[in-house]
Amino acid sequence: MGHHTNLQAGRSGLARTGSGRALVLHPVLRSREQDSPRSPEASLEEAVGLARAIDLEVVHAAVVKVSRPQPATLLGGGAVEQAGRLMEEARGRDEDIDLVIVDHALSPVQQRNLEKAFGAKVIDRTGLILEIFGARARTHEGQLQVELAALSYQKSRLVRSWTHLERQRGGFGFIGGPGESQLEIDRRLIAGRIDKLKRELDEVRRTRGLHRKARAKVPYPVVVLVGYTNAGKSTLFNRMAGADVFAKDLLFATLDPTMRAIGLPTGRKVILSDTVGFISDLPTHLVAAFRATLEEVQSADIILHVRDIAHPDSEAQKADVDGVLRDLGIDPQQDPRVVEVANKIDLLDAQGREAVLARAERSGSLCAVSATTGEGLDTLAALLDRRMTAGRKLVEMDIELSDGATLAWLYANGEVQGRRDDDRLAHLQVAIEPALLARLEQRLAA
């Protein structure tokens, strides 16, 4: 199975240094073949998408059956020979393949042996995802998290020397030319750097805790977008917020949460937050490194699970996202905060589209939209409005007459059903939802 994509020259350091042509191999281990909800072809397609996300030209991509994983190379001898021949043929046509991506975890020994066999740089799935993270992280925290994950991964590996390539791209040099000098970084140096990064991250998180407290003073409910990578979260965010977040048809386009205040039809304001895309088989130390990015989800008032409903693996992707939510202590089936957004309905055939729209009409927690065309966004905004008012409580409050800002906020965000003023206080009866009440209490306590 082959894939051909056009490399956009000049987009990254890879294009400029000629390290842009890749062979992608997706090993299927017989022992695990039955366990995966995805077809090998769909997994290969995803790996090709990951490679394209950093402007690699995928010259060829193939599924490789592995009946018995080899300790030395993971892949069987026949598969290694076949890939080697393919690379020789490409060299003969003066179309060198600089990089082989093995869409599976490789031990350092397997990686080195395959590099020798192919005469080219080899990276595994973790290395590729880290390379993407390195190219995409934009905030200081995101960059620290990526470097921490990269160093944890590299502890036992040979690492490339830092060259102009890494400095240009902001990556970590897992993808480098085969002729580059190699060096074993002293593990004590790596451990020291890891400790320093952890301290810096703790400091950043402490500061972010302060930011979160500051946000509690702007007491709007927080709506967080989550979903499988490439489900269309950033496009939906742009539509809803009128913002220009980096939204492309790329895997892992978003790494750092982006937040905007938006108005709903009733005039109520909410803060919309975009998050990093989830993905299957994300290595555990990467999940740990990006846990802080997902902290926003745990404290959210509403969680919009954005799905690419037109994707053939939509159900498997949903299962992956649900699994990550459960890891964060959120039960997607029971938690009333979770709303499913079936995105990309414009890509469905008439029958599929009708089925999704009918399901959405019957459900109070499913909305069908197209972030690209804007269809269904009014329904989504109305659903958010309903969710905000669903759990309203009638509370009695005494607010100082001199505190005009809090009084104005209560009139804007709650429903004042009774008011009696004396010399100093306004005695109010207000119908208000618990999330807003909690934020108001935080604001008054601050």
Protein backbone atom coordinates (compact mmCIF):
# COMPACT_ATOMS: atom_id res chain seq x y z
CA MET A 1 0.00 0.00 0.00
CA GLY A 2 1.61 3.29 -1.05
CA HIS A 3 0.92 6.91 -0.18
CA HIS A 4 2.26 9.94 -1.96
CA THR A 5 2.11 13.41 -0.51
CA ASN A 6 3.66 16.62 -1.69
CA LEU A 7 6.34 18.11 0.51
CA GLN A 8 5.88 21.85 0.92
CA ALA A 9 9.44 23.08 0.64
CA GLY A 10 10.57 25.59 3.21
CA ARG A 11 7.87 24.78 5.78
CA SER A 12 10.35 23.22 8.17
CA GLY A 13 14.03 22.51 8.69
CA LEU A 14 13.39 19.01 7.36
CA ALA A 15 12.50 20.32 3.93
CA ARG A 16 15.58 22.54 3.80
CA THR A 17 18.03 19.83 4.83
CA GLY A 18 16.62 17.21 2.49
CA SER A 19 15.50 14.96 5.39
CA GLY A 20 11.92 15.02 4.19
CA ARG A 21 11.36 11.63 2.53
CA ALA A 22 10.05 8.85 4.73
CA LEU A 23 9.03 5.20 4.65
CA VAL A 24 6.28 4.34 7.16
CA LEU A 25 5.92 0.79 8.48
CA HIS A 26 3.06 -0.31 10.74
CA PRO A 27 3.92 -3.65 12.40
CA VAL A 28 0.96 -5.89 13.28
CA LEU A 29 1.93 -8.35 16.02
CA ARG A 30 -0.05 -11.56 15.70
CA SER A 31 -0.43 -11.78 19.49
CA ARG A 32 -2.18 -8.39 19.56
CA GLU A 33 -4.05 -8.54 16.26
CA GLN A 34 -7.37 -9.53 17.85
CA ASP A 35 -7.17 -6.88 20.61
CA SER A 36 -7.17 -3.79 18.40
CA PRO A 37 -10.54 -2.22 17.52
CA ARG A 38 -8.88 -0.64 14.46
CA SER A 39 -7.99 -2.21 11.15
CA PRO A 40 -4.24 -2.31 10.39
CA GLU A 41 -4.93 -0.10 7.34
CA ALA A 42 -6.58 2.58 9.50
CA SER A 43 -3.64 2.49 11.94
CA LEU A 44 -1.21 2.84 9.02
CA GLU A 45 -3.24 5.76 7.67
CA GLU A 46 -2.99 7.45 11.09
CA ALA A 47 0.81 6.95 11.16
CA VAL A 48 1.03 8.51 7.68
CA GLY A 49 -1.05 11.44 8.99
CA LEU A 50 1.36 11.88 11.92
CA ALA A 51 4.32 11.96 9.50
CA ARG A 52 2.55 14.50 7.28
CA ALA A 53 1.85 16.66 10.35
CA ILE A 54 5.54 17.65 10.30
CA ASP A 55 5.77 18.00 6.52
CA LEU A 56 7.40 14.66 5.78
CA GLU A 57 6.87 13.28 2.28
CA VAL A 58 5.68 9.71 2.73
CA VAL A 59 7.18 7.88 -0.24
CA HIS A 60 5.80 4.49 0.73
CA ALA A 61 3.73 3.06 3.58
CA ALA A 62 3.07 -0.57 4.41
CA VAL A 63 1.52 -2.86 7.00
CA VAL A 64 4.07 -5.46 8.17
CA LYS A 65 2.81 -8.72 9.73
CA VAL A 66 5.03 -9.87 12.61
CA SER A 67 4.34 -13.46 13.67
CA ARG A 68 7.19 -13.54 16.22
CA PRO A 69 8.74 -10.22 17.35
CA GLN A 70 12.54 -10.38 16.96
CA PRO A 71 14.50 -9.11 19.99
CA ALA A 72 17.13 -7.60 17.67
CA THR A 73 14.89 -5.80 15.16
CA LEU A 74 11.20 -6.38 16.18
CA LEU A 75 10.44 -7.03 12.47
CA GLY A 76 11.16 -10.41 10.88
CA GLY A 77 14.19 -10.86 8.61
CA GLY A 78 12.03 -10.96 5.46
CA ALA A 79 10.37 -7.65 6.28
CA VAL A 80 13.72 -5.97 7.02
CA GLU A 81 15.11 -7.27 3.69
CA GLN A 82 12.05 -6.12 1.76
CA ALA A 83 12.19 -2.60 3.25
CA GLY A 84 15.95 -2.51 2.60
CA ARG A 85 15.40 -3.42 -1.08
CA LEU A 86 12.76 -0.72 -1.41
CA MET A 87 15.23 1.85 -0.05
CA GLU A 88 18.00 0.61 -2.39
CA GLU A 89 15.66 1.00 -5.37
CA ALA A 90 14.83 4.55 -4.27
CA ARG A 91 18.57 5.34 -3.97
CA GLY A 92 19.09 3.93 -7.46
CA ARG A 93 16.54 6.45 -8.75
CA ASP A 94 18.38 9.17 -6.80
CA GLU A 95 15.34 9.52 -4.54
CA ASP A 96 16.92 8.70 -1.20
CA ILE A 97 14.60 7.84 1.69
CA ASP A 98 16.17 9.59 4.70
CA LEU A 99 13.91 8.24 7.41
CA VAL A 100 12.08 5.05 8.37
CA ILE A 101 9.19 5.43 10.81
CA VAL A 102 8.21 2.24 12.64
CA ASP A 103 4.72 2.79 14.08
CA HIS A 104 5.43 0.81 17.24
CA ALA A 105 7.66 1.07 20.30
CA LEU A 106 11.29 0.09 19.56
CA SER A 107 13.97 -0.67 22.13
CA PRO A 108 17.23 1.31 21.70
CA VAL A 109 18.93 -1.87 20.42
CA GLN A 110 16.18 -2.52 17.86
CA GLN A 111 16.36 1.08 16.69
CA ARG A 112 20.16 0.93 16.22
CA ASN A 113 20.05 -2.45 14.44
CA LEU A 114 17.38 -1.23 12.01
CA GLU A 115 19.42 1.93 11.34
CA LYS A 116 22.40 -0.25 10.42
CA ALA A 117 20.23 -2.48 8.20
CA PHE A 118 18.58 0.44 6.38
CA GLY A 119 21.49 2.89 6.33
CA ALA A 120 19.04 5.59 7.39
CA LYS A 121 17.61 7.21 10.50
CA VAL A 122 14.91 5.13 12.23
CA ILE A 123 12.37 6.47 14.74
CA ASP A 124 9.53 4.72 16.52
CA ARG A 125 6.01 5.94 17.29
CA THR A 126 7.07 7.68 20.52
CA GLY A 127 9.92 9.50 18.76
CA LEU A 128 7.56 10.65 16.01
CA ILE A 129 4.92 11.95 18.45
CA LEU A 130 7.63 13.77 20.44
CA GLU A 131 8.94 15.30 17.20
CA ILE A 132 5.42 16.62 16.52
CA PHE A 133 5.08 17.86 20.09
CA GLY A 134 8.44 19.65 19.71
CA ALA A 135 7.32 21.36 16.52
CA ARG A 136 3.90 22.35 17.89
CA ALA A 137 4.44 23.42 21.52
CA ARG A 138 4.05 27.19 21.71
CA THR A 139 3.76 28.21 25.34
CA HIS A 140 6.61 28.04 27.83
CA GLU A 141 4.82 25.28 29.73
CA GLY A 142 4.21 23.25 26.57
CA GLN A 143 7.90 23.48 25.64
CA LEU A 144 9.00 22.41 29.13
CA GLN A 145 6.60 19.46 29.05
CA VAL A 146 7.88 18.34 25.66
CA GLU A 147 11.52 18.56 26.69
CA LEU A 148 10.81 16.62 29.88
CA ALA A 149 9.04 13.87 27.91
CA ALA A 150 11.86 13.84 25.33
CA LEU A 151 14.59 13.48 27.94
CA SER A 152 12.70 10.72 29.80
CA TYR A 153 12.44 8.87 26.46
CA GLN A 154 16.10 9.43 25.60
CA LYS A 155 17.59 8.34 28.91
CA SER A 156 18.69 4.99 27.51
CA ARG A 157 19.18 6.03 23.88
CA LEU A 158 21.86 7.45 21.69
CA VAL A 159 20.96 11.06 20.99
CA ARG A 160 21.90 13.24 18.07
CA SER A 161 24.09 16.27 18.61
CA TRP A 162 22.15 19.53 18.44
CA THR A 163 22.55 20.94 14.95
CA HIS A 164 21.14 23.87 12.98
CA LEU A 165 18.22 21.56 12.09
CA GLU A 166 16.91 21.30 15.65
CA ARG A 167 17.46 24.97 16.36
CA GLN A 168 15.52 25.97 13.26
CA ARG A 169 12.64 23.62 13.91
CA GLY A 170 12.39 23.78 17.66
CA GLY A 171 12.29 19.97 17.58
CA PHE A 172 14.42 17.43 19.38
CA GLY A 173 16.49 15.96 16.58
CA PHE A 174 15.01 12.46 16.57
CA ILE A 175 14.79 13.05 12.84
CA GLY A 176 18.27 13.80 11.55
CA GLY A 177 20.42 12.91 8.58
CA PRO A 178 22.03 9.44 8.71
CA GLY A 179 25.54 10.92 8.56
CA GLU A 180 25.19 13.00 11.74
CA SER A 181 27.63 12.44 14.56
CA GLN A 182 26.16 10.46 17.47
CA LEU A 183 27.02 10.85 21.13
CA GLU A 184 25.97 9.21 24.33
CA ILE A 185 24.82 12.02 26.64
CA ASP A 186 25.95 11.39 30.19
CA ARG A 187 22.91 10.02 32.03
CA ARG A 188 23.79 12.15 35.05
CA LEU A 189 23.50 15.27 32.86
CA ILE A 190 20.11 14.12 31.58
CA ALA A 191 18.94 13.35 35.14
CA GLY A 192 20.11 16.80 36.26
CA ARG A 193 18.27 18.47 33.39
CA ILE A 194 15.12 16.44 34.18
CA ASP A 195 15.22 17.61 37.82
CA LYS A 196 15.66 21.22 36.69
CA LEU A 197 12.74 20.91 34.24
CA LYS A 198 10.49 19.41 36.93
CA ARG A 199 11.27 22.35 39.21
CA GLU A 200 10.54 24.83 36.39
CA LEU A 201 7.28 23.03 35.57
CA ASP A 202 6.21 23.10 39.22
CA GLU A 203 6.83 26.85 39.20
CA VAL A 204 4.83 27.29 35.98
CA ARG A 205 1.97 25.18 37.38
CA ARG A 206 1.98 27.17 40.61
CA THR A 207 1.75 30.35 38.52
CA ARG A 208 -0.99 28.78 36.43
CA GLY A 209 -2.85 27.98 39.65
CA LEU A 210 -2.72 31.73 40.33
CA HIS A 211 -4.01 32.39 36.79
CA ARG A 212 -6.86 29.98 37.50
CA LYS A 213 -7.66 31.85 40.73
CA ALA A 214 -7.60 35.08 38.74
CA ARG A 215 -9.99 33.50 36.25
CA ALA A 216 -12.36 32.59 39.11
CA LYS A 217 -12.65 36.34 39.65
CA VAL A 218 -14.09 36.59 36.11
CA PRO A 219 -16.78 34.14 37.12
CA TYR A 220 -17.86 32.73 33.78
CA PRO A 221 -18.40 28.99 33.37
CA VAL A 222 -15.62 27.18 31.45
CA VAL A 223 -16.50 25.05 28.39
CA VAL A 224 -13.63 22.75 27.34
CA LEU A 225 -13.32 21.08 23.93
CA VAL A 226 -11.81 17.58 23.98
CA GLY A 227 -11.56 14.95 21.27
CA TYR A 228 -9.41 12.65 19.20
CA THR A 229 -6.69 14.40 17.26
CA ASN A 230 -7.95 15.89 13.98
CA ALA A 231 -11.63 15.67 15.05
CA GLY A 232 -12.06 19.38 14.22
CA LYS A 233 -11.81 20.94 17.70
CA SER A 234 -9.77 23.97 16.61
CA THR A 235 -12.03 24.63 13.61
CA LEU A 236 -15.06 24.49 15.93
CA PHE A 237 -13.26 26.74 18.43
CA ASN A 238 -12.59 29.28 15.65
CA ARG A 239 -16.23 29.18 14.55
CA MET A 240 -17.54 29.66 18.08
CA ALA A 241 -14.96 32.19 19.23
CA GLY A 242 -14.24 34.00 15.98
CA ALA A 243 -10.59 33.34 16.81
CA ASP A 244 -7.72 32.41 14.56
CA VAL A 245 -6.19 29.45 16.37
CA PHE A 246 -3.80 27.29 14.33
CA ALA A 247 -6.39 25.01 12.72
CA LYS A 248 -5.29 22.75 9.91
CA ASP A 249 -6.12 19.27 8.76
CA LEU A 250 -3.14 18.02 10.75
CA LEU A 251 -2.76 15.65 13.62
CA PHE A 252 -1.72 17.31 16.88
CA ALA A 253 -2.24 20.82 15.51
CA THR A 254 -3.09 22.07 19.02
CA LEU A 255 -0.89 21.52 22.03
CA ASP A 256 -1.41 24.44 24.34
CA PRO A 257 -4.87 25.26 25.66
CA THR A 258 -6.27 28.39 24.09
CA MET A 259 -9.04 30.29 25.84
CA ARG A 260 -11.60 32.85 24.69
CA ALA A 261 -14.70 34.39 26.29
CA ILE A 262 -17.76 33.97 24.05
CA GLY A 263 -21.41 35.06 24.31
CA LEU A 264 -24.30 32.57 24.12
CA PRO A 265 -27.73 33.43 22.60
CA THR A 266 -29.14 34.58 25.96
CA GLY A 267 -26.19 36.95 26.37
CA ARG A 268 -24.59 34.72 29.02
CA LYS A 269 -20.81 34.57 28.71
CA VAL A 270 -18.68 31.42 28.91
CA ILE A 271 -14.96 30.79 28.54
CA LEU A 272 -14.17 28.39 25.70
CA SER A 273 -10.97 26.33 26.00
CA ASP A 274 -9.33 24.22 23.26
CA THR A 275 -7.11 21.26 24.27
CA VAL A 276 -4.54 18.90 22.76
CA GLY A 277 -5.96 16.04 20.69
CA PHE A 278 -6.02 12.58 22.25
CA ILE A 279 -4.57 9.59 20.40
CA SER A 280 -4.52 5.83 20.81
CA ASP A 281 -1.49 4.08 22.33
CA LEU A 282 0.03 7.30 23.62
CA PRO A 283 3.07 6.10 25.62
CA THR A 284 2.46 6.48 29.34
CA HIS A 285 5.30 8.92 30.00
CA LEU A 286 3.87 11.20 27.30
CA VAL A 287 0.45 11.09 28.97
CA ALA A 288 2.13 12.07 32.24
CA ALA A 289 4.04 14.90 30.60
CA PHE A 290 0.85 16.35 29.15
CA ARG A 291 -1.40 15.74 32.15
CA ALA A 292 -1.07 19.41 33.12
CA THR A 293 -2.46 20.41 29.71
CA LEU A 294 -5.57 18.40 30.52
CA GLU A 295 -6.07 19.83 34.02
CA GLU A 296 -8.44 22.38 32.47
CA VAL A 297 -10.78 19.49 31.65
CA GLN A 298 -11.13 18.36 35.28
CA SER A 299 -12.25 21.79 36.49
CA ALA A 300 -14.51 22.53 33.48
CA ASP A 301 -18.23 23.27 33.85
CA ILE A 302 -19.06 21.68 30.49
CA ILE A 303 -16.95 19.24 28.44
CA LEU A 304 -17.65 19.14 24.70
CA HIS A 305 -16.40 15.83 23.29
CA VAL A 306 -15.88 16.69 19.60
CA ARG A 307 -16.01 13.64 17.33
CA ASP A 308 -15.19 13.21 13.64
CA ILE A 309 -18.44 11.36 13.00
CA ALA A 310 -17.51 10.71 9.34
CA HIS A 311 -14.27 8.86 10.21
CA PRO A 312 -14.42 5.07 9.66
CA ASP A 313 -12.85 4.59 13.13
CA SER A 314 -15.12 7.10 14.86
CA GLU A 315 -16.29 4.54 17.48
CA ALA A 316 -12.73 3.42 18.32
CA GLN A 317 -11.65 7.07 18.59
CA LYS A 318 -14.57 7.74 20.95
CA ALA A 319 -13.48 4.79 23.10
CA ASP A 320 -9.92 6.22 23.28
CA VAL A 321 -11.14 9.67 24.36
CA ASP A 322 -13.56 8.14 26.88
CA GLY A 323 -10.62 6.17 28.30
CA VAL A 324 -8.54 9.34 28.78
CA LEU A 325 -11.52 11.10 30.41
CA ARG A 326 -11.91 8.16 32.82
CA ASP A 327 -8.17 8.46 33.65
CA LEU A 328 -8.91 12.08 34.58
CA GLY A 329 -11.70 10.94 36.93
CA ILE A 330 -14.54 11.86 34.54
CA ASP A 331 -17.15 9.22 33.65
CA PRO A 332 -18.27 10.17 30.11
CA GLN A 333 -21.49 8.12 30.39
CA GLN A 334 -22.59 9.42 33.82
CA ASP A 335 -21.03 12.88 34.14
CA PRO A 336 -23.71 15.48 33.32
CA ARG A 337 -20.99 17.89 32.14
CA VAL A 338 -20.14 15.81 29.05
CA VAL A 339 -21.85 16.78 25.77
CA GLU A 340 -21.02 14.86 22.59
CA VAL A 341 -20.58 16.94 19.44
CA ALA A 342 -20.87 14.90 16.22
CA ASN A 343 -18.72 17.02 13.90
CA LYS A 344 -18.16 16.81 10.11
CA ILE A 345 -21.77 15.84 9.29
CA ASP A 346 -21.17 17.61 5.95
CA LEU A 347 -18.96 14.61 4.99
CA LEU A 348 -21.65 11.97 5.65
CA ASP A 349 -23.90 10.48 2.99
CA ALA A 350 -27.63 11.26 3.17
CA GLN A 351 -28.49 8.09 5.12
CA GLY A 352 -25.68 8.49 7.68
CA ARG A 353 -26.51 12.14 8.12
CA GLU A 354 -30.19 11.44 8.78
CA ALA A 355 -29.28 8.78 11.35
CA VAL A 356 -26.98 11.16 13.27
CA LEU A 357 -29.49 14.05 13.16
CA ALA A 358 -32.28 11.75 14.41
CA ARG A 359 -30.05 10.51 17.25
CA ALA A 360 -29.18 14.09 18.20
CA GLU A 361 -32.85 15.07 18.24
CA ARG A 362 -33.67 12.25 20.69
CA SER A 363 -30.69 12.98 22.97
CA GLY A 364 -30.20 15.82 25.39
CA SER A 365 -26.43 15.34 25.34
CA LEU A 366 -25.61 14.98 21.63
CA CYS A 367 -25.40 17.73 19.04
CA ALA A 368 -24.71 17.30 15.29
CA VAL A 369 -22.64 20.04 13.64
CA SER A 370 -20.28 20.92 10.83
CA ALA A 371 -17.58 23.26 12.08
CA THR A 372 -16.57 23.88 8.45
CA THR A 373 -19.99 24.99 7.15
CA GLY A 374 -21.35 26.29 10.47
CA GLU A 375 -24.39 23.99 10.36
CA GLY A 376 -25.80 23.08 13.78
CA LEU A 377 -23.79 25.69 15.71
CA ASP A 378 -26.98 27.57 16.73
CA THR A 379 -28.33 24.32 18.18
CA LEU A 380 -25.05 23.75 20.04
CA ALA A 381 -25.10 27.28 21.50
CA ALA A 382 -28.74 26.81 22.60
CA LEU A 383 -27.84 23.46 24.19
CA LEU A 384 -25.00 25.14 26.12
CA ASP A 385 -27.44 27.82 27.29
CA ARG A 386 -29.91 25.14 28.49
CA ARG A 387 -27.12 23.26 30.28
CA MET A 388 -26.13 26.45 32.07
CA THR A 389 -29.64 27.04 33.43
CA ALA A 390 -30.57 23.37 34.05
CA GLY A 391 -29.56 23.18 37.71
CA ARG A 392 -30.67 26.64 38.87
CA LYS A 393 -31.20 27.14 42.58
CA LEU A 394 -33.10 29.92 44.33
CA VAL A 395 -30.73 31.55 46.84
CA GLU A 396 -30.97 34.55 49.14
CA MET A 397 -28.05 36.96 49.14
CA ASP A 398 -27.10 40.16 50.93
CA ILE A 399 -24.87 42.41 48.80
CA GLU A 400 -23.54 45.79 49.81
CA LEU A 401 -25.20 48.57 47.79
CA SER A 402 -21.75 50.05 47.18
CA ASP A 403 -20.68 46.83 45.36
CA GLY A 404 -22.19 47.83 42.02
CA ALA A 405 -20.04 45.34 40.06
CA THR A 406 -21.39 42.27 41.91
CA LEU A 407 -24.99 43.53 41.69
CA ALA A 408 -24.62 44.13 37.95
CA TRP A 409 -23.07 40.66 37.53
CA LEU A 410 -25.97 39.00 39.38
CA TYR A 411 -28.52 40.74 37.14
CA ALA A 412 -26.54 39.68 34.04
CA ASN A 413 -25.90 36.04 35.03
CA GLY A 414 -28.78 35.09 37.34
CA GLU A 415 -32.48 35.83 37.49
CA VAL A 416 -33.26 38.29 40.31
CA GLN A 417 -36.73 37.29 41.52
CA GLY A 418 -36.99 39.56 44.56
CA ARG A 419 -35.12 42.54 46.03
CA ARG A 420 -35.42 44.66 49.20
CA ASP A 421 -32.90 47.42 49.99
CA ASP A 422 -32.06 48.96 53.36
CA ASP A 423 -29.51 51.69 54.14
CA ARG A 424 -26.49 49.51 53.39
CA LEU A 425 -27.51 46.19 51.81
CA ALA A 426 -29.52 44.84 48.90
CA HIS A 427 -31.37 41.68 50.06
CA LEU A 428 -31.83 39.56 46.91
CA GLN A 429 -33.58 36.36 45.90
CA VAL A 430 -31.72 35.03 42.85
CA ALA A 431 -32.24 31.95 40.69
CA ILE A 432 -28.70 30.93 39.66
CA GLU A 433 -26.89 27.76 38.58
CA PRO A 434 -24.45 26.13 41.05
CA ALA A 435 -21.37 26.61 38.83
CA LEU A 436 -21.95 30.36 38.66
CA LEU A 437 -22.75 30.55 42.36
CA ALA A 438 -19.44 28.81 43.17
CA ARG A 439 -17.54 31.28 40.97
CA LEU A 440 -19.33 34.21 42.60
CA GLU A 441 -18.39 32.91 46.05
CA GLN A 442 -14.75 32.62 44.93
CA ARG A 443 -14.93 36.16 43.63
CA LEU A 444 -16.39 37.53 46.86
CA ALA A 445 -13.85 35.62 48.98
CA ALA A 446 -10.87 36.88 46.94
